[in-house]
Amino acid sequence: MSNNRGQSRQARGDGCHKVPELGELKQEIARIYNQVNQEAFEIGVRRLRVDIIGTKIVVLADHKRIRGLDYLDRVNRAASRMADVALLDAFKERMRQELERQLPWLGVRSILKDYDPEAEIAGTIIVVDKPLTAE
């Protein structure tokens, strides 16, 4: 299989995905994450860190809170929480679509995401089929 850059990615016989460069994969994940974030919220992230631990890709990001939701938080936290959950669900669906399109060999099983509006930090865990290891 190959990704959109034409670089070969192969599954090893031991059940691991062999990734030529984990740093490159982290950069691709960060780029896709920021692309989806821009698309969904029309704002980029301030800081982003991607870590790979076996079958999990962990993304921690500092996000600026959407002004309208920040205001709604002060007026009606329950309503803003419902909006947060809907936005998180939409983000996860779009992120999965982009990962499957741009990195089809990755084998995404699940995407988990939460956001702390007070700290403006989002945590995302992308669970993949097989552990990711460097060549």
C-alpha atoms as a PDB file:
ATOM      1  CA  MET A   1       0.000   0.000   0.000  1.00  0.00           C
ATOM      2  CA  SER A   2       1.121   3.607  -0.311  1.00  0.00           C
ATOM      3  CA  ASN A   3       0.224   7.002   1.055  1.00  0.00           C
ATOM      4  CA  ASN A   4      -0.371  10.183  -0.954  1.00  0.00           C
ATOM      5  CA  ARG A   5       3.375  10.897  -1.172  1.00  0.00           C
ATOM      6  CA  GLY A   6       3.963   7.611  -2.960  1.00  0.00           C
ATOM      7  CA  GLN A   7       6.188   6.160  -0.235  1.00  0.00           C
ATOM      8  CA  SER A   8       5.840   2.456   0.350  1.00  0.00           C
ATOM      9  CA  ARG A   9       4.290   1.365   3.655  1.00  0.00           C
ATOM     10  CA  GLN A  10       4.052  -2.332   4.393  1.00  0.00           C
ATOM     11  CA  ALA A  11       2.639  -4.422   7.192  1.00  0.00           C
ATOM     12  CA  ARG A  12       5.250  -6.674   8.777  1.00  0.00           C
ATOM     13  CA  GLY A  13       4.592 -10.332   9.323  1.00  0.00           C
ATOM     14  CA  ASP A  14       4.660  -9.769  13.106  1.00  0.00           C
ATOM     15  CA  GLY A  15       1.483  -7.668  12.993  1.00  0.00           C
ATOM     16  CA  CYS A  16       3.192  -4.265  13.141  1.00  0.00           C
ATOM     17  CA  HIS A  17       3.033  -1.507  10.562  1.00  0.00           C
ATOM     18  CA  LYS A  18       6.588  -0.727   9.499  1.00  0.00           C
ATOM     19  CA  VAL A  19       6.882   3.045   9.127  1.00  0.00           C
ATOM     20  CA  PRO A  20      10.065   4.325   7.437  1.00  0.00           C
ATOM     21  CA  GLU A  21      10.184   7.415   9.677  1.00  0.00           C
ATOM     22  CA  LEU A  22       8.008   7.942  12.753  1.00  0.00           C
ATOM     23  CA  GLY A  23       8.911  11.647  12.747  1.00  0.00           C
ATOM     24  CA  GLU A  24       7.509  11.948   9.229  1.00  0.00           C
ATOM     25  CA  LEU A  25       4.299  10.177  10.276  1.00  0.00           C
ATOM     26  CA  LYS A  26       3.935  12.514  13.262  1.00  0.00           C
ATOM     27  CA  GLN A  27       4.298  15.517  10.955  1.00  0.00           C
ATOM     28  CA  GLU A  28       1.667  14.094   8.576  1.00  0.00           C
ATOM     29  CA  ILE A  29      -0.749  13.490  11.467  1.00  0.00           C
ATOM     30  CA  ALA A  30      -0.144  17.045  12.749  1.00  0.00           C
ATOM     31  CA  ARG A  31      -0.710  18.490   9.273  1.00  0.00           C
ATOM     32  CA  ILE A  32      -3.956  16.547   8.792  1.00  0.00           C
ATOM     33  CA  TYR A  33      -5.141  17.461  12.312  1.00  0.00           C
ATOM     34  CA  ASN A  34      -4.517  21.153  11.698  1.00  0.00           C
ATOM     35  CA  GLN A  35      -6.156  20.947   8.247  1.00  0.00           C
ATOM     36  CA  VAL A  36      -9.330  19.413   9.726  1.00  0.00           C
ATOM     37  CA  ASN A  37      -9.282  21.915  12.591  1.00  0.00           C
ATOM     38  CA  GLN A  38      -8.994  24.841  10.135  1.00  0.00           C
ATOM     39  CA  GLU A  39     -11.840  23.394   8.084  1.00  0.00           C
ATOM     40  CA  ALA A  40     -14.105  22.879  11.095  1.00  0.00           C
ATOM     41  CA  PHE A  41     -13.332  25.966  13.170  1.00  0.00           C
ATOM     42  CA  GLU A  42     -11.571  28.366  10.774  1.00  0.00           C
ATOM     43  CA  ILE A  43      -8.735  28.633  13.258  1.00  0.00           C
ATOM     44  CA  GLY A  44      -5.475  26.755  13.619  1.00  0.00           C
ATOM     45  CA  VAL A  45      -3.965  25.321  16.747  1.00  0.00           C
ATOM     46  CA  ARG A  46      -1.434  27.273  18.810  1.00  0.00           C
ATOM     47  CA  ARG A  47       0.673  24.259  19.732  1.00  0.00           C
ATOM     48  CA  LEU A  48       0.477  20.618  18.785  1.00  0.00           C
ATOM     49  CA  ARG A  49       2.300  17.491  19.922  1.00  0.00           C
ATOM     50  CA  VAL A  50       1.939  14.026  18.415  1.00  0.00           C
ATOM     51  CA  ASP A  51       3.207  10.894  20.187  1.00  0.00           C
ATOM     52  CA  ILE A  52       2.998   7.299  18.980  1.00  0.00           C
ATOM     53  CA  ILE A  53       2.642   4.520  21.552  1.00  0.00           C
ATOM     54  CA  GLY A  54       2.058   1.084  20.019  1.00  0.00           C
ATOM     55  CA  THR A  55      -1.423   1.146  18.494  1.00  0.00           C
ATOM     56  CA  LYS A  56      -2.183   4.634  19.786  1.00  0.00           C
ATOM     57  CA  ILE A  57      -1.424   8.027  18.250  1.00  0.00           C
ATOM     58  CA  VAL A  58      -1.847  10.702  20.929  1.00  0.00           C
ATOM     59  CA  VAL A  59      -2.383  14.313  19.872  1.00  0.00           C
ATOM     60  CA  LEU A  60      -2.336  17.103  22.465  1.00  0.00           C
ATOM     61  CA  ALA A  61      -3.156  20.564  21.174  1.00  0.00           C
ATOM     62  CA  ASP A  62      -3.555  24.066  22.575  1.00  0.00           C
ATOM     63  CA  HIS A  63      -6.671  25.520  20.936  1.00  0.00           C
ATOM     64  CA  LYS A  64      -8.126  28.997  21.022  1.00  0.00           C
ATOM     65  CA  ARG A  65     -11.758  28.754  22.161  1.00  0.00           C
ATOM     66  CA  ILE A  66     -14.352  29.761  19.564  1.00  0.00           C
ATOM     67  CA  ARG A  67     -15.648  33.188  20.667  1.00  0.00           C
ATOM     68  CA  GLY A  68     -19.318  32.286  20.338  1.00  0.00           C
ATOM     69  CA  LEU A  69     -18.910  29.166  22.462  1.00  0.00           C
ATOM     70  CA  ASP A  70     -16.852  31.096  25.016  1.00  0.00           C
ATOM     71  CA  TYR A  71     -19.712  33.560  25.394  1.00  0.00           C
ATOM     72  CA  LEU A  72     -22.312  30.778  25.475  1.00  0.00           C
ATOM     73  CA  ASP A  73     -20.248  29.076  28.219  1.00  0.00           C
ATOM     74  CA  ARG A  74     -20.760  32.079  30.465  1.00  0.00           C
ATOM     75  CA  VAL A  75     -24.499  32.270  29.716  1.00  0.00           C
ATOM     76  CA  ASN A  76     -25.488  28.590  29.531  1.00  0.00           C
ATOM     77  CA  ARG A  77     -22.824  25.933  30.127  1.00  0.00           C
ATOM     78  CA  ALA A  78     -25.221  23.077  29.345  1.00  0.00           C
ATOM     79  CA  ALA A  79     -25.944  24.479  25.887  1.00  0.00           C
ATOM     80  CA  SER A  80     -22.260  25.107  25.141  1.00  0.00           C
ATOM     81  CA  ARG A  81     -21.422  21.558  26.308  1.00  0.00           C
ATOM     82  CA  MET A  82     -23.955  20.148  23.851  1.00  0.00           C
ATOM     83  CA  ALA A  83     -22.376  22.261  21.094  1.00  0.00           C
ATOM     84  CA  ASP A  84     -18.896  21.065  22.172  1.00  0.00           C
ATOM     85  CA  VAL A  85     -19.955  17.407  21.922  1.00  0.00           C
ATOM     86  CA  ALA A  86     -21.501  17.931  18.478  1.00  0.00           C
ATOM     87  CA  LEU A  87     -18.326  19.689  17.248  1.00  0.00           C
ATOM     88  CA  LEU A  88     -16.092  16.961  18.701  1.00  0.00           C
ATOM     89  CA  ASP A  89     -18.158  14.275  16.977  1.00  0.00           C
ATOM     90  CA  ALA A  90     -18.030  16.128  13.648  1.00  0.00           C
ATOM     91  CA  PHE A  91     -14.257  16.630  14.023  1.00  0.00           C
ATOM     92  CA  LYS A  92     -13.681  12.922  14.735  1.00  0.00           C
ATOM     93  CA  GLU A  93     -15.719  11.878  11.701  1.00  0.00           C
ATOM     94  CA  ARG A  94     -13.873  14.320   9.418  1.00  0.00           C
ATOM     95  CA  MET A  95     -10.478  13.367  10.885  1.00  0.00           C
ATOM     96  CA  ARG A  96     -11.191   9.687  10.208  1.00  0.00           C
ATOM     97  CA  GLN A  97     -12.179  10.500   6.606  1.00  0.00           C
ATOM     98  CA  GLU A  98      -8.953  12.421   6.007  1.00  0.00           C
ATOM     99  CA  LEU A  99      -6.744   9.806   7.660  1.00  0.00           C
ATOM    100  CA  GLU A 100      -8.371   7.049   5.600  1.00  0.00           C
ATOM    101  CA  ARG A 101      -7.978   9.107   2.429  1.00  0.00           C
ATOM    102  CA  GLN A 102      -4.416  10.345   2.991  1.00  0.00           C
ATOM    103  CA  LEU A 103      -2.959   7.441   5.005  1.00  0.00           C
ATOM    104  CA  PRO A 104      -5.101   4.430   4.024  1.00  0.00           C
ATOM    105  CA  TRP A 105      -2.511   1.929   5.290  1.00  0.00           C
ATOM    106  CA  LEU A 106      -2.896   3.275   8.848  1.00  0.00           C
ATOM    107  CA  GLY A 107      -5.988   1.170   9.682  1.00  0.00           C
ATOM    108  CA  VAL A 108      -7.907   3.544  11.971  1.00  0.00           C
ATOM    109  CA  ARG A 109     -10.095   1.640  14.461  1.00  0.00           C
ATOM    110  CA  SER A 110     -11.318   4.532  16.581  1.00  0.00           C
ATOM    111  CA  ILE A 111     -10.791   8.215  17.307  1.00  0.00           C
ATOM    112  CA  LEU A 112     -11.397   9.523  20.824  1.00  0.00           C
ATOM    113  CA  LYS A 113     -11.354  13.261  21.542  1.00  0.00           C
ATOM    114  CA  ASP A 114     -12.072  15.637  24.401  1.00  0.00           C
ATOM    115  CA  TYR A 115     -11.605  19.371  24.953  1.00  0.00           C
ATOM    116  CA  ASP A 116     -11.126  21.378  28.141  1.00  0.00           C
ATOM    117  CA  PRO A 117     -12.583  24.832  27.378  1.00  0.00           C
ATOM    118  CA  GLU A 118     -11.065  26.445  30.459  1.00  0.00           C
ATOM    119  CA  ALA A 119      -7.496  25.310  29.718  1.00  0.00           C
ATOM    120  CA  GLU A 120      -8.106  25.400  25.928  1.00  0.00           C
ATOM    121  CA  ILE A 121      -6.422  21.994  25.522  1.00  0.00           C
ATOM    122  CA  ALA A 122      -7.710  19.157  23.345  1.00  0.00           C
ATOM    123  CA  GLY A 123      -6.655  15.533  23.647  1.00  0.00           C
ATOM    124  CA  THR A 124      -7.137  13.125  20.760  1.00  0.00           C
ATOM    125  CA  ILE A 125      -6.309   9.411  20.697  1.00  0.00           C
ATOM    126  CA  ILE A 126      -6.278   7.658  17.337  1.00  0.00           C
ATOM    127  CA  VAL A 127      -6.380   3.880  17.783  1.00  0.00           C
ATOM    128  CA  VAL A 128      -5.011   1.879  14.836  1.00  0.00           C
ATOM    129  CA  ASP A 129      -5.201  -1.821  13.946  1.00  0.00           C
ATOM    130  CA  LYS A 130      -1.544  -2.700  14.444  1.00  0.00           C
ATOM    131  CA  PRO A 131       1.355  -1.244  16.454  1.00  0.00           C
ATOM    132  CA  LEU A 132       3.423   1.341  14.609  1.00  0.00           C
ATOM    133  CA  THR A 133       7.188   0.807  14.614  1.00  0.00           C
ATOM    134  CA  ALA A 134      10.111   2.398  12.813  1.00  0.00           C
ATOM    135  CA  GLU A 135      12.150   0.457  10.238  1.00  0.00           C
END
